[in-house]
Amino acid sequence: MLARILLFLLIAWGAWSYFSHRPIESGPGVQAPKAPRQESVSGLAPFSFEGYQITPLARFSATARVLGTERYRFDRESDLVPLDLALGWGPMSDSRNLAEIEISQGNRFYFWRTKTLPLPREDIARQSANMHLIPRDAAMRKRLLEARPGHLVSFEGFLVEVQSPEGWRWRSSLTRDDTGRGACELVWLERLELRDPRP
């Protein structure tokens, strides 16, 4: 009897996990037309959070389509960032283009591949990014973990550098044109909204 109950609970958990994180399918068209906005800041003092020092580098905001999500639990960074979002804007928020592109994430990176380029490679690189988002409180963390591919996400905050007491550092990219190691944005979230783009 106990084995049956455990099997039922495992199946129920699997079904809930699938349906709560399945991609949102939406029609063609650019859903997030504007690129993220970045503004220089000066004179903002570092602040403490969860034992880390957070230094604002630039004010940052974006509305983008979620292309992929990757949950992290056991790496050093998961203390601050439980979930990475691969995000797209402009043509990289259009289902017609995304249907031709395979998105994956792992080890804090975002990867894409395609057999037929629906967009120039440089446009794919400039109009998508893997972002590490630091929620400022438990309510925002819960909201972030609800994100799934197809959502439209809007947020405001700061690109930051993080430092631990023993000297470990994690610094955000400050441009959308870079790729590879160090190219991801590390964002302290002041506001976060998720929206289903379907009517």
Protein backbone atom coordinates (compact mmCIF):
# COMPACT_ATOMS: atom_id res chain seq x y z
CA MET A 1 0.00 0.00 0.00
CA LEU A 2 2.81 2.41 0.89
CA ALA A 3 4.49 1.74 -2.45
CA ARG A 4 1.25 2.56 -4.28
CA ILE A 5 0.83 5.80 -2.38
CA LEU A 6 4.42 6.82 -3.15
CA LEU A 7 3.93 5.94 -6.82
CA PHE A 8 0.73 8.00 -6.94
CA LEU A 9 2.46 10.97 -5.31
CA LEU A 10 5.37 10.71 -7.74
CA ILE A 11 3.02 10.65 -10.74
CA ALA A 12 1.01 13.57 -9.34
CA TRP A 13 4.17 15.59 -8.74
CA GLY A 14 5.39 14.85 -12.26
CA ALA A 15 2.07 15.91 -13.78
CA TRP A 16 1.99 19.11 -11.73
CA SER A 17 5.59 19.91 -12.67
CA TYR A 18 4.90 19.38 -16.37
CA PHE A 19 1.71 21.41 -16.55
CA SER A 20 2.99 24.27 -14.38
CA HIS A 21 6.23 24.65 -16.40
CA ARG A 22 5.12 23.73 -19.92
CA PRO A 23 5.84 26.37 -22.58
CA ILE A 24 3.18 28.93 -23.43
CA GLU A 25 2.33 28.67 -27.13
CA SER A 26 1.41 31.93 -28.83
CA GLY A 27 0.87 33.16 -32.35
CA PRO A 28 3.30 34.90 -34.72
CA GLY A 29 4.51 38.44 -34.30
CA VAL A 30 7.11 40.37 -32.32
CA GLN A 31 6.00 40.37 -28.69
CA ALA A 32 8.79 42.43 -27.12
CA PRO A 33 9.83 45.06 -29.67
CA LYS A 34 12.28 47.09 -27.57
CA ALA A 35 15.80 46.18 -26.51
CA PRO A 36 16.67 46.30 -22.79
CA ARG A 37 17.40 49.79 -21.52
CA GLN A 38 20.60 50.58 -19.65
CA GLU A 39 21.55 53.86 -17.95
CA SER A 40 24.83 54.80 -16.31
CA VAL A 41 24.78 55.46 -12.58
CA SER A 42 27.27 57.06 -10.24
CA GLY A 43 27.51 57.54 -6.53
CA LEU A 44 25.35 54.54 -5.59
CA ALA A 45 26.82 52.87 -2.53
CA PRO A 46 27.21 49.09 -2.29
CA PHE A 47 24.72 47.32 -0.05
CA SER A 48 24.59 43.99 1.77
CA PHE A 49 22.29 41.10 0.88
CA GLU A 50 22.41 37.53 2.20
CA GLY A 51 26.00 38.03 3.36
CA TYR A 52 27.19 39.42 0.00
CA GLN A 53 28.15 42.95 -1.05
CA ILE A 54 26.10 44.14 -4.05
CA THR A 55 27.53 47.03 -6.10
CA PRO A 56 25.21 48.69 -8.67
CA LEU A 57 26.94 49.23 -12.03
CA ALA A 58 24.08 50.52 -14.22
CA ARG A 59 20.34 50.98 -14.06
CA PHE A 60 18.65 48.30 -16.17
CA SER A 61 15.15 47.44 -17.35
CA ALA A 62 13.66 45.12 -19.95
CA THR A 63 10.52 43.59 -21.36
CA ALA A 64 11.36 40.34 -23.13
CA ARG A 65 10.03 36.94 -24.07
CA VAL A 66 11.18 34.00 -21.97
CA LEU A 67 12.95 31.58 -24.34
CA GLY A 68 14.07 29.15 -21.66
CA THR A 69 14.42 28.65 -17.91
CA GLU A 70 17.05 26.73 -15.97
CA ARG A 71 16.72 26.02 -12.25
CA TYR A 72 19.88 25.88 -10.11
CA ARG A 73 20.08 24.53 -6.57
CA PHE A 74 23.59 23.35 -5.77
CA ASP A 75 26.10 25.77 -7.31
CA ARG A 76 27.62 28.75 -5.51
CA GLU A 77 25.49 31.19 -7.47
CA SER A 78 22.16 29.58 -6.52
CA ASP A 79 22.34 31.32 -3.12
CA LEU A 80 21.46 34.47 -5.03
CA VAL A 81 20.09 33.32 -8.40
CA PRO A 82 17.81 30.26 -8.26
CA LEU A 83 16.74 30.53 -11.90
CA ASP A 84 18.36 31.80 -15.09
CA LEU A 85 16.16 33.14 -17.87
CA ALA A 86 17.12 33.03 -21.54
CA LEU A 87 15.36 36.08 -22.96
CA GLY A 88 14.62 37.39 -26.44
CA TRP A 89 13.40 40.70 -27.83
CA GLY A 90 12.79 42.17 -31.28
CA PRO A 91 12.74 39.36 -33.90
CA MET A 92 13.90 36.95 -31.18
CA SER A 93 10.48 37.33 -29.53
CA ASP A 94 8.62 36.26 -32.70
CA SER A 95 7.30 32.67 -32.71
CA ARG A 96 7.98 32.40 -36.44
CA ASN A 97 11.72 32.78 -35.88
CA LEU A 98 11.83 30.82 -32.64
CA ALA A 99 10.21 27.82 -34.32
CA GLU A 100 13.47 27.41 -36.27
CA ILE A 101 15.79 27.78 -33.26
CA GLU A 102 16.52 25.22 -30.54
CA ILE A 103 17.18 26.81 -27.15
CA SER A 104 19.04 25.13 -24.28
CA GLN A 105 20.73 26.17 -21.03
CA GLY A 106 23.26 24.69 -18.64
CA ASN A 107 26.16 25.60 -16.36
CA ARG A 108 24.91 29.21 -16.30
CA PHE A 109 25.12 29.50 -20.11
CA TYR A 110 22.50 29.80 -22.85
CA PHE A 111 22.91 27.98 -26.17
CA TRP A 112 21.08 28.06 -29.47
CA ARG A 113 21.30 26.11 -32.67
CA THR A 114 19.40 25.98 -35.93
CA LYS A 115 19.56 24.11 -39.22
CA THR A 116 18.27 27.08 -41.22
CA LEU A 117 19.06 30.57 -39.95
CA PRO A 118 15.80 32.55 -39.71
CA LEU A 119 17.89 35.60 -38.72
CA PRO A 120 21.53 36.63 -39.16
CA ARG A 121 23.74 35.16 -36.43
CA GLU A 122 24.68 38.59 -35.14
CA ASP A 123 21.00 39.51 -34.73
CA ILE A 124 20.32 36.35 -32.73
CA ALA A 125 23.27 37.20 -30.46
CA ARG A 126 22.28 40.87 -30.04
CA GLN A 127 18.58 40.21 -29.47
CA SER A 128 18.80 37.43 -26.91
CA ALA A 129 20.70 36.81 -23.70
CA ASN A 130 21.00 34.59 -20.65
CA MET A 131 20.26 36.67 -17.56
CA HIS A 132 20.99 35.89 -13.92
CA LEU A 133 18.24 37.58 -11.87
CA ILE A 134 18.64 38.24 -8.13
CA PRO A 135 15.20 38.54 -6.46
CA ARG A 136 15.23 41.03 -3.62
CA ASP A 137 12.79 39.12 -1.37
CA ALA A 138 10.91 35.84 -0.96
CA ALA A 139 7.79 37.03 -2.79
CA MET A 140 9.81 38.03 -5.84
CA ARG A 141 11.77 34.78 -5.70
CA LYS A 142 8.48 32.83 -5.78
CA ARG A 143 7.29 34.90 -8.75
CA LEU A 144 10.56 34.35 -10.61
CA LEU A 145 10.30 30.58 -10.17
CA GLU A 146 6.89 30.68 -11.87
CA ALA A 147 8.43 31.85 -15.16
CA ARG A 148 8.18 29.50 -18.12
CA PRO A 149 9.03 29.71 -21.82
CA GLY A 150 6.57 31.92 -23.65
CA HIS A 151 5.93 34.29 -20.76
CA LEU A 152 6.55 37.98 -21.26
CA VAL A 153 8.68 39.23 -18.39
CA SER A 154 9.14 42.88 -17.43
CA PHE A 155 11.62 43.95 -14.79
CA GLU A 156 13.58 46.90 -13.44
CA GLY A 157 16.69 47.00 -11.32
CA PHE A 158 20.46 47.27 -11.64
CA LEU A 159 23.29 45.45 -13.33
CA VAL A 160 25.56 44.58 -10.43
CA GLU A 161 28.78 43.09 -9.19
CA VAL A 162 28.58 40.67 -6.27
CA GLN A 163 31.40 40.01 -3.82
CA SER A 164 31.54 37.54 -0.94
CA PRO A 165 33.46 38.17 2.31
CA GLU A 166 36.23 35.77 1.17
CA GLY A 167 36.70 37.62 -2.11
CA TRP A 168 34.60 35.61 -4.61
CA ARG A 169 33.22 37.93 -7.31
CA TRP A 170 30.45 37.76 -9.91
CA ARG A 171 30.19 40.70 -12.30
CA SER A 172 27.55 41.54 -14.87
CA SER A 173 28.17 42.19 -18.52
CA LEU A 174 27.51 45.80 -19.49
CA THR A 175 26.79 45.25 -23.19
CA ARG A 176 24.36 43.18 -25.27
CA ASP A 177 26.94 42.53 -28.01
CA ASP A 178 29.23 40.11 -26.19
CA THR A 179 29.06 36.31 -26.17
CA GLY A 180 30.66 33.49 -24.20
CA ARG A 181 31.99 33.57 -20.65
CA GLY A 182 31.20 36.82 -18.85
CA ALA A 183 28.55 37.85 -21.39
CA CYS A 184 25.52 37.28 -19.16
CA GLU A 185 23.72 40.04 -17.31
CA LEU A 186 23.60 39.83 -13.51
CA VAL A 187 20.56 41.82 -12.43
CA TRP A 188 19.40 42.95 -9.00
CA LEU A 189 15.59 43.03 -9.29
CA GLU A 190 13.57 45.91 -7.92
CA ARG A 191 10.42 44.95 -9.85
CA LEU A 192 9.34 41.81 -11.69
CA GLU A 193 6.17 41.02 -13.64
CA LEU A 194 5.17 37.96 -15.67
CA ARG A 195 2.46 38.06 -18.31
CA ASP A 196 0.82 35.44 -20.50
CA PRO A 197 0.86 36.99 -24.02
CA ARG A 198 -2.16 35.05 -25.20
CA PRO A 199 -5.40 37.06 -25.50
